[in-house]
């Protein structure tokens, strides 16, 4: 399964009440200007081969980017949501590789948080 699909399933299984929608690859055009809901975007960053040997590889190291676009009307502490999300990924064998600062869009005043995770994935034998 693609890393982004696996990550989306993981987030959806947690049923975070603060996250209204989870998208992979891109935010649909009809949602781009939506600042009333908190949405998450999960995108692929890179995949590297690992465990090389015998002219082959036996694992991959997959990296994803997770962005949270917070509702401008949020009534909760975003740090609580972010901590729960980080713990969820860590408990499910993802490594936290980078946590970027919160950014506020100067036009919409919507706050965004960005995180990077990697997962060492051993390939199944065919």
C-alpha atoms as a PDB file:
ATOM      1  CA  UNK A   1       0.000   0.000   0.000  1.00  0.00           C
ATOM      2  CA  UNK A   2       1.238   3.512  -0.746  1.00  0.00           C
ATOM      3  CA  UNK A   3       2.685   5.267   2.287  1.00  0.00           C
ATOM      4  CA  UNK A   4       0.170   8.123   1.956  1.00  0.00           C
ATOM      5  CA  UNK A   5      -2.769   5.711   1.932  1.00  0.00           C
ATOM      6  CA  UNK A   6      -1.387   3.879   4.946  1.00  0.00           C
ATOM      7  CA  UNK A   7      -0.946   7.178   6.796  1.00  0.00           C
ATOM      8  CA  UNK A   8      -4.470   8.326   5.901  1.00  0.00           C
ATOM      9  CA  UNK A   9      -5.924   5.047   7.200  1.00  0.00           C
ATOM     10  CA  UNK A  10      -3.949   5.476  10.406  1.00  0.00           C
ATOM     11  CA  UNK A  11      -5.219   9.032  10.969  1.00  0.00           C
ATOM     12  CA  UNK A  12      -8.806   8.097  10.092  1.00  0.00           C
ATOM     13  CA  UNK A  13      -8.691   5.142  12.501  1.00  0.00           C
ATOM     14  CA  UNK A  14      -7.796   7.544  15.330  1.00  0.00           C
ATOM     15  CA  UNK A  15     -11.013   9.511  14.722  1.00  0.00           C
ATOM     16  CA  UNK A  16      -9.559  12.878  15.719  1.00  0.00           C
ATOM     17  CA  UNK A  17     -12.651  15.020  16.260  1.00  0.00           C
ATOM     18  CA  UNK A  18     -10.701  18.188  15.401  1.00  0.00           C
ATOM     19  CA  UNK A  19      -9.821  17.001  11.867  1.00  0.00           C
ATOM     20  CA  UNK A  20     -12.761  17.380   9.499  1.00  0.00           C
ATOM     21  CA  UNK A  21     -11.193  15.922   6.344  1.00  0.00           C
ATOM     22  CA  UNK A  22      -8.042  14.033   5.324  1.00  0.00           C
ATOM     23  CA  UNK A  23      -6.736  14.274   1.759  1.00  0.00           C
ATOM     24  CA  UNK A  24      -3.823  12.579   0.025  1.00  0.00           C
ATOM     25  CA  UNK A  25      -1.674  13.988  -2.805  1.00  0.00           C
ATOM     26  CA  UNK A  26      -3.554  17.328  -3.067  1.00  0.00           C
ATOM     27  CA  UNK A  27      -6.478  19.316  -1.739  1.00  0.00           C
ATOM     28  CA  UNK A  28      -9.421  19.255  -4.186  1.00  0.00           C
ATOM     29  CA  UNK A  29     -10.115  22.588  -5.934  1.00  0.00           C
ATOM     30  CA  UNK A  30     -13.470  22.979  -4.209  1.00  0.00           C
ATOM     31  CA  UNK A  31     -11.738  22.743  -0.799  1.00  0.00           C
ATOM     32  CA  UNK A  32      -8.780  25.066  -1.383  1.00  0.00           C
ATOM     33  CA  UNK A  33     -10.487  28.192  -0.051  1.00  0.00           C
ATOM     34  CA  UNK A  34     -12.213  26.406   2.834  1.00  0.00           C
ATOM     35  CA  UNK A  35     -10.960  27.997   6.048  1.00  0.00           C
ATOM     36  CA  UNK A  36     -13.966  26.935   8.142  1.00  0.00           C
ATOM     37  CA  UNK A  37     -12.763  23.351   8.629  1.00  0.00           C
ATOM     38  CA  UNK A  38      -9.522  21.786   9.769  1.00  0.00           C
ATOM     39  CA  UNK A  39      -8.135  19.602   7.006  1.00  0.00           C
ATOM     40  CA  UNK A  40      -5.081  17.393   6.741  1.00  0.00           C
ATOM     41  CA  UNK A  41      -3.052  16.855   3.582  1.00  0.00           C
ATOM     42  CA  UNK A  42      -0.689  13.870   3.323  1.00  0.00           C
ATOM     43  CA  UNK A  43       1.840  13.779   0.474  1.00  0.00           C
ATOM     44  CA  UNK A  44       4.699  11.555  -0.616  1.00  0.00           C
ATOM     45  CA  UNK A  45       8.150  13.058  -0.203  1.00  0.00           C
ATOM     46  CA  UNK A  46      10.544  10.263  -1.164  1.00  0.00           C
ATOM     47  CA  UNK A  47      11.189   6.543  -1.163  1.00  0.00           C
ATOM     48  CA  UNK A  48      14.706   5.109  -0.880  1.00  0.00           C
ATOM     49  CA  UNK A  49      15.776   1.491  -1.257  1.00  0.00           C
ATOM     50  CA  UNK A  50      17.328  -0.240   1.760  1.00  0.00           C
ATOM     51  CA  UNK A  51      18.815  -3.629   2.738  1.00  0.00           C
ATOM     52  CA  UNK A  52      20.732  -4.006  -0.507  1.00  0.00           C
ATOM     53  CA  UNK A  53      22.338  -7.312  -1.390  1.00  0.00           C
ATOM     54  CA  UNK A  54      22.634  -9.916  -4.139  1.00  0.00           C
ATOM     55  CA  UNK A  55      21.885  -7.309  -6.816  1.00  0.00           C
ATOM     56  CA  UNK A  56      18.523  -6.545  -5.148  1.00  0.00           C
ATOM     57  CA  UNK A  57      16.943  -4.591  -2.276  1.00  0.00           C
ATOM     58  CA  UNK A  58      14.658  -5.888   0.445  1.00  0.00           C
ATOM     59  CA  UNK A  59      13.231  -2.789   2.110  1.00  0.00           C
ATOM     60  CA  UNK A  60      12.292   0.803   1.483  1.00  0.00           C
ATOM     61  CA  UNK A  61      12.466   3.910   3.609  1.00  0.00           C
ATOM     62  CA  UNK A  62       9.343   5.949   2.849  1.00  0.00           C
ATOM     63  CA  UNK A  63       8.943   9.604   3.767  1.00  0.00           C
ATOM     64  CA  UNK A  64       5.681  11.551   3.885  1.00  0.00           C
ATOM     65  CA  UNK A  65       4.692  15.125   4.637  1.00  0.00           C
ATOM     66  CA  UNK A  66       1.638  15.822   6.796  1.00  0.00           C
ATOM     67  CA  UNK A  67       0.168  19.312   6.728  1.00  0.00           C
ATOM     68  CA  UNK A  68      -2.662  20.470   8.958  1.00  0.00           C
ATOM     69  CA  UNK A  69      -4.635  23.502   7.795  1.00  0.00           C
ATOM     70  CA  UNK A  70      -6.459  24.709  10.881  1.00  0.00           C
ATOM     71  CA  UNK A  71      -9.912  26.253  10.832  1.00  0.00           C
ATOM     72  CA  UNK A  72      -9.759  29.979  11.490  1.00  0.00           C
ATOM     73  CA  UNK A  73     -12.549  29.337  14.011  1.00  0.00           C
ATOM     74  CA  UNK A  74     -10.734  26.614  15.960  1.00  0.00           C
ATOM     75  CA  UNK A  75     -11.775  26.336  19.594  1.00  0.00           C
ATOM     76  CA  UNK A  76      -9.112  23.893  20.803  1.00  0.00           C
ATOM     77  CA  UNK A  77      -5.400  23.859  21.502  1.00  0.00           C
ATOM     78  CA  UNK A  78      -3.663  22.695  18.294  1.00  0.00           C
ATOM     79  CA  UNK A  79      -0.682  21.453  20.306  1.00  0.00           C
ATOM     80  CA  UNK A  80      -2.878  18.800  21.944  1.00  0.00           C
ATOM     81  CA  UNK A  81      -3.975  17.503  18.530  1.00  0.00           C
ATOM     82  CA  UNK A  82      -0.425  17.565  17.198  1.00  0.00           C
ATOM     83  CA  UNK A  83       0.953  15.691  20.204  1.00  0.00           C
ATOM     84  CA  UNK A  84      -1.696  12.979  19.833  1.00  0.00           C
ATOM     85  CA  UNK A  85      -0.940  12.705  16.112  1.00  0.00           C
ATOM     86  CA  UNK A  86       2.824  12.457  16.710  1.00  0.00           C
ATOM     87  CA  UNK A  87       2.286   9.740  19.331  1.00  0.00           C
ATOM     88  CA  UNK A  88      -0.037   7.877  16.944  1.00  0.00           C
ATOM     89  CA  UNK A  89       2.565   7.796  14.172  1.00  0.00           C
ATOM     90  CA  UNK A  90       5.382   6.890  16.600  1.00  0.00           C
ATOM     91  CA  UNK A  91       3.328   4.019  18.083  1.00  0.00           C
ATOM     92  CA  UNK A  92       2.744   2.679  14.567  1.00  0.00           C
ATOM     93  CA  UNK A  93       6.408   2.425  13.547  1.00  0.00           C
ATOM     94  CA  UNK A  94       6.869   5.809  11.900  1.00  0.00           C
ATOM     95  CA  UNK A  95       9.845   8.016  12.799  1.00  0.00           C
ATOM     96  CA  UNK A  96       9.345  11.737  13.267  1.00  0.00           C
ATOM     97  CA  UNK A  97      11.986  13.385  11.090  1.00  0.00           C
ATOM     98  CA  UNK A  98      10.981  17.043  11.167  1.00  0.00           C
ATOM     99  CA  UNK A  99       8.473  19.340  12.838  1.00  0.00           C
ATOM    100  CA  UNK A 100       8.255  22.758  11.221  1.00  0.00           C
ATOM    101  CA  UNK A 101       7.044  25.950  12.814  1.00  0.00           C
ATOM    102  CA  UNK A 102       3.437  27.062  12.587  1.00  0.00           C
ATOM    103  CA  UNK A 103       2.785  29.448   9.727  1.00  0.00           C
ATOM    104  CA  UNK A 104      -0.137  31.855   9.400  1.00  0.00           C
ATOM    105  CA  UNK A 105      -1.309  32.686   5.879  1.00  0.00           C
ATOM    106  CA  UNK A 106      -1.254  36.508   5.579  1.00  0.00           C
ATOM    107  CA  UNK A 107      -4.353  36.548   3.347  1.00  0.00           C
ATOM    108  CA  UNK A 108      -6.664  34.085   5.109  1.00  0.00           C
ATOM    109  CA  UNK A 109      -5.109  34.105   8.610  1.00  0.00           C
ATOM    110  CA  UNK A 110      -5.294  30.306   8.541  1.00  0.00           C
ATOM    111  CA  UNK A 111      -2.610  28.561  10.602  1.00  0.00           C
ATOM    112  CA  UNK A 112      -0.730  25.637   9.086  1.00  0.00           C
ATOM    113  CA  UNK A 113       1.505  23.032  10.722  1.00  0.00           C
ATOM    114  CA  UNK A 114       3.846  20.724   8.778  1.00  0.00           C
ATOM    115  CA  UNK A 115       5.405  17.428   9.879  1.00  0.00           C
ATOM    116  CA  UNK A 116       7.646  14.843   8.194  1.00  0.00           C
ATOM    117  CA  UNK A 117       7.634  11.133   8.985  1.00  0.00           C
ATOM    118  CA  UNK A 118       9.602   8.157   7.669  1.00  0.00           C
ATOM    119  CA  UNK A 119       8.832   4.478   7.820  1.00  0.00           C
ATOM    120  CA  UNK A 120      11.241   1.608   7.274  1.00  0.00           C
ATOM    121  CA  UNK A 121       9.231  -0.911   5.255  1.00  0.00           C
ATOM    122  CA  UNK A 122      10.491  -4.480   4.753  1.00  0.00           C
ATOM    123  CA  UNK A 123       9.235  -5.832   1.446  1.00  0.00           C
ATOM    124  CA  UNK A 124       7.243  -9.037   1.313  1.00  0.00           C
ATOM    125  CA  UNK A 125       8.706 -11.863  -0.722  1.00  0.00           C
ATOM    126  CA  UNK A 126       6.934 -12.555  -3.981  1.00  0.00           C
END
